[in-house]
Amino acid sequence: MAATFELYTDSADQWRWRLRHSNGNIIADSGEGYASKAKAKQGIESVKSNAPDADVEEQ
């Protein structure tokens, strides 16, 4: 998969991230704003380290 994490600030000056596929589609986002860029980067690292082999649950 060719995807890139993007860091940006929202209209409330909160830091957010989104994971964008090379085709332009957003495939994941932070779901919340962070007060600092460093905390947003920690969120990215958390996703990268905690979900590389995540199971899929059907409900």
N, C-alpha and C. Protein backbone atom coordinates (compact mmCIF):
# COMPACT_ATOMS: atom_id res chain seq x y z
N MET A 1 0.85 -1.18 0.00
CA MET A 1 0.00 0.00 0.00
C MET A 1 0.89 1.23 0.00
N ALA A 2 0.62 2.15 -0.87
CA ALA A 2 1.35 3.41 -0.91
C ALA A 2 0.49 4.48 -0.25
N ALA A 3 0.80 4.76 0.99
CA ALA A 3 0.04 5.76 1.74
C ALA A 3 1.00 6.64 2.52
N THR A 4 0.54 7.85 2.84
CA THR A 4 1.35 8.83 3.55
C THR A 4 0.55 9.45 4.68
N PHE A 5 1.16 9.57 5.85
CA PHE A 5 0.55 10.32 6.94
C PHE A 5 0.74 11.81 6.68
N GLU A 6 -0.32 12.58 6.83
CA GLU A 6 -0.26 14.03 6.69
C GLU A 6 -0.58 14.66 8.04
N LEU A 7 0.21 15.63 8.45
CA LEU A 7 -0.05 16.42 9.66
C LEU A 7 -0.57 17.78 9.24
N TYR A 8 -1.60 18.26 9.92
CA TYR A 8 -2.15 19.57 9.57
C TYR A 8 -2.86 20.16 10.78
N THR A 9 -3.15 21.45 10.72
CA THR A 9 -3.95 22.10 11.77
C THR A 9 -5.35 22.34 11.26
N ASP A 10 -6.31 22.18 12.15
CA ASP A 10 -7.71 22.38 11.78
C ASP A 10 -8.13 23.82 12.07
N SER A 11 -9.40 24.12 11.89
CA SER A 11 -9.90 25.49 12.07
C SER A 11 -9.83 25.96 13.52
N ALA A 12 -9.68 25.04 14.46
CA ALA A 12 -9.56 25.39 15.88
C ALA A 12 -8.09 25.41 16.33
N ASP A 13 -7.17 25.41 15.35
CA ASP A 13 -5.73 25.39 15.61
C ASP A 13 -5.28 24.16 16.40
N GLN A 14 -5.96 23.05 16.19
CA GLN A 14 -5.56 21.78 16.78
C GLN A 14 -4.83 20.97 15.70
N TRP A 15 -3.85 20.20 16.13
CA TRP A 15 -3.11 19.34 15.20
C TRP A 15 -3.88 18.05 14.96
N ARG A 16 -3.92 17.62 13.72
CA ARG A 16 -4.57 16.38 13.33
C ARG A 16 -3.69 15.65 12.33
N TRP A 17 -3.98 14.37 12.14
CA TRP A 17 -3.30 13.61 11.10
C TRP A 17 -4.33 12.85 10.29
N ARG A 18 -3.95 12.53 9.08
CA ARG A 18 -4.76 11.67 8.22
C ARG A 18 -3.80 10.81 7.41
N LEU A 19 -4.27 9.63 7.07
CA LEU A 19 -3.50 8.71 6.25
C LEU A 19 -4.13 8.71 4.87
N ARG A 20 -3.35 9.18 3.89
CA ARG A 20 -3.88 9.33 2.54
C ARG A 20 -3.21 8.33 1.60
N HIS A 21 -4.03 7.57 0.90
CA HIS A 21 -3.54 6.62 -0.10
C HIS A 21 -3.01 7.41 -1.30
N SER A 22 -2.15 6.79 -2.07
CA SER A 22 -1.59 7.47 -3.25
C SER A 22 -2.65 7.85 -4.28
N ASN A 23 -3.83 7.21 -4.21
CA ASN A 23 -4.91 7.57 -5.14
C ASN A 23 -5.71 8.78 -4.65
N GLY A 24 -5.32 9.34 -3.49
CA GLY A 24 -5.98 10.55 -2.97
C GLY A 24 -7.01 10.29 -1.90
N ASN A 25 -7.45 9.05 -1.74
CA ASN A 25 -8.46 8.73 -0.73
C ASN A 25 -7.87 8.79 0.67
N ILE A 26 -8.64 9.33 1.61
CA ILE A 26 -8.25 9.30 3.02
C ILE A 26 -8.73 7.97 3.58
N ILE A 27 -7.80 7.19 4.12
CA ILE A 27 -8.16 5.86 4.60
C ILE A 27 -8.17 5.78 6.12
N ALA A 28 -7.69 6.82 6.81
CA ALA A 28 -7.77 6.89 8.27
C ALA A 28 -7.50 8.33 8.69
N ASP A 29 -8.02 8.69 9.86
CA ASP A 29 -7.70 10.01 10.42
C ASP A 29 -7.64 9.93 11.93
N SER A 30 -7.14 11.01 12.53
CA SER A 30 -6.92 11.02 13.97
C SER A 30 -8.21 10.97 14.78
N GLY A 31 -9.29 11.46 14.23
CA GLY A 31 -10.55 11.44 14.95
C GLY A 31 -10.63 12.45 16.08
N GLU A 32 -9.54 13.11 16.37
CA GLU A 32 -9.51 14.14 17.41
C GLU A 32 -8.39 15.11 17.12
N GLY A 33 -8.49 16.31 17.69
CA GLY A 33 -7.43 17.29 17.57
C GLY A 33 -6.46 17.17 18.73
N TYR A 34 -5.21 17.48 18.48
CA TYR A 34 -4.17 17.45 19.50
C TYR A 34 -3.68 18.88 19.74
N ALA A 35 -3.33 19.18 20.97
CA ALA A 35 -2.87 20.53 21.33
C ALA A 35 -1.49 20.83 20.76
N SER A 36 -0.69 19.79 20.51
CA SER A 36 0.66 20.03 20.00
C SER A 36 0.96 19.10 18.83
N LYS A 37 1.88 19.54 18.01
CA LYS A 37 2.33 18.73 16.87
C LYS A 37 2.97 17.44 17.38
N ALA A 38 3.71 17.54 18.47
CA ALA A 38 4.38 16.36 19.04
C ALA A 38 3.37 15.30 19.45
N LYS A 39 2.25 15.70 20.05
CA LYS A 39 1.22 14.74 20.45
C LYS A 39 0.57 14.09 19.23
N ALA A 40 0.37 14.86 18.17
CA ALA A 40 -0.18 14.29 16.94
C ALA A 40 0.78 13.27 16.35
N LYS A 41 2.08 13.57 16.39
CA LYS A 41 3.07 12.61 15.91
C LYS A 41 3.08 11.34 16.76
N GLN A 42 2.85 11.49 18.07
CA GLN A 42 2.75 10.32 18.94
C GLN A 42 1.57 9.45 18.53
N GLY A 43 0.46 10.11 18.16
CA GLY A 43 -0.71 9.37 17.69
C GLY A 43 -0.41 8.56 16.44
N ILE A 44 0.34 9.15 15.52
CA ILE A 44 0.74 8.43 14.31
C ILE A 44 1.60 7.23 14.67
N GLU A 45 2.57 7.44 15.53
CA GLU A 45 3.46 6.35 15.92
C GLU A 45 2.69 5.24 16.64
N SER A 46 1.68 5.61 17.41
CA SER A 46 0.85 4.63 18.09
C SER A 46 0.13 3.74 17.08
N VAL A 47 -0.44 4.35 16.07
CA VAL A 47 -1.14 3.57 15.04
C VAL A 47 -0.15 2.66 14.33
N LYS A 48 1.01 3.20 13.97
CA LYS A 48 1.99 2.41 13.25
C LYS A 48 2.49 1.22 14.07
N SER A 49 2.65 1.40 15.37
CA SER A 49 3.20 0.32 16.19
C SER A 49 2.14 -0.64 16.72
N ASN A 50 0.90 -0.17 16.92
CA ASN A 50 -0.13 -1.02 17.53
C ASN A 50 -1.01 -1.77 16.53
N ALA A 51 -0.96 -1.40 15.26
CA ALA A 51 -1.91 -2.01 14.32
C ALA A 51 -1.29 -2.61 13.07
N PRO A 52 -0.02 -2.95 13.06
CA PRO A 52 0.52 -3.48 11.79
C PRO A 52 -0.10 -4.82 11.39
N ASP A 53 -0.52 -5.60 12.36
CA ASP A 53 -1.12 -6.91 12.07
C ASP A 53 -2.49 -7.05 12.74
N ALA A 54 -3.20 -5.94 12.82
CA ALA A 54 -4.49 -5.96 13.51
C ALA A 54 -5.47 -6.92 12.84
N ASP A 55 -6.23 -7.61 13.68
CA ASP A 55 -7.27 -8.50 13.20
C ASP A 55 -8.46 -7.69 12.70
N VAL A 56 -9.26 -8.31 11.87
CA VAL A 56 -10.50 -7.70 11.39
C VAL A 56 -11.66 -8.44 12.06
N GLU A 57 -12.53 -7.68 12.71
CA GLU A 57 -13.72 -8.26 13.34
C GLU A 57 -14.95 -7.87 12.53
N GLU A 58 -15.74 -8.85 12.19
CA GLU A 58 -17.00 -8.58 11.50
C GLU A 58 -18.12 -8.57 12.54
N GLN A 59 -18.99 -7.57 12.41
CA GLN A 59 -20.09 -7.45 13.39
C GLN A 59 -21.42 -7.39 12.69
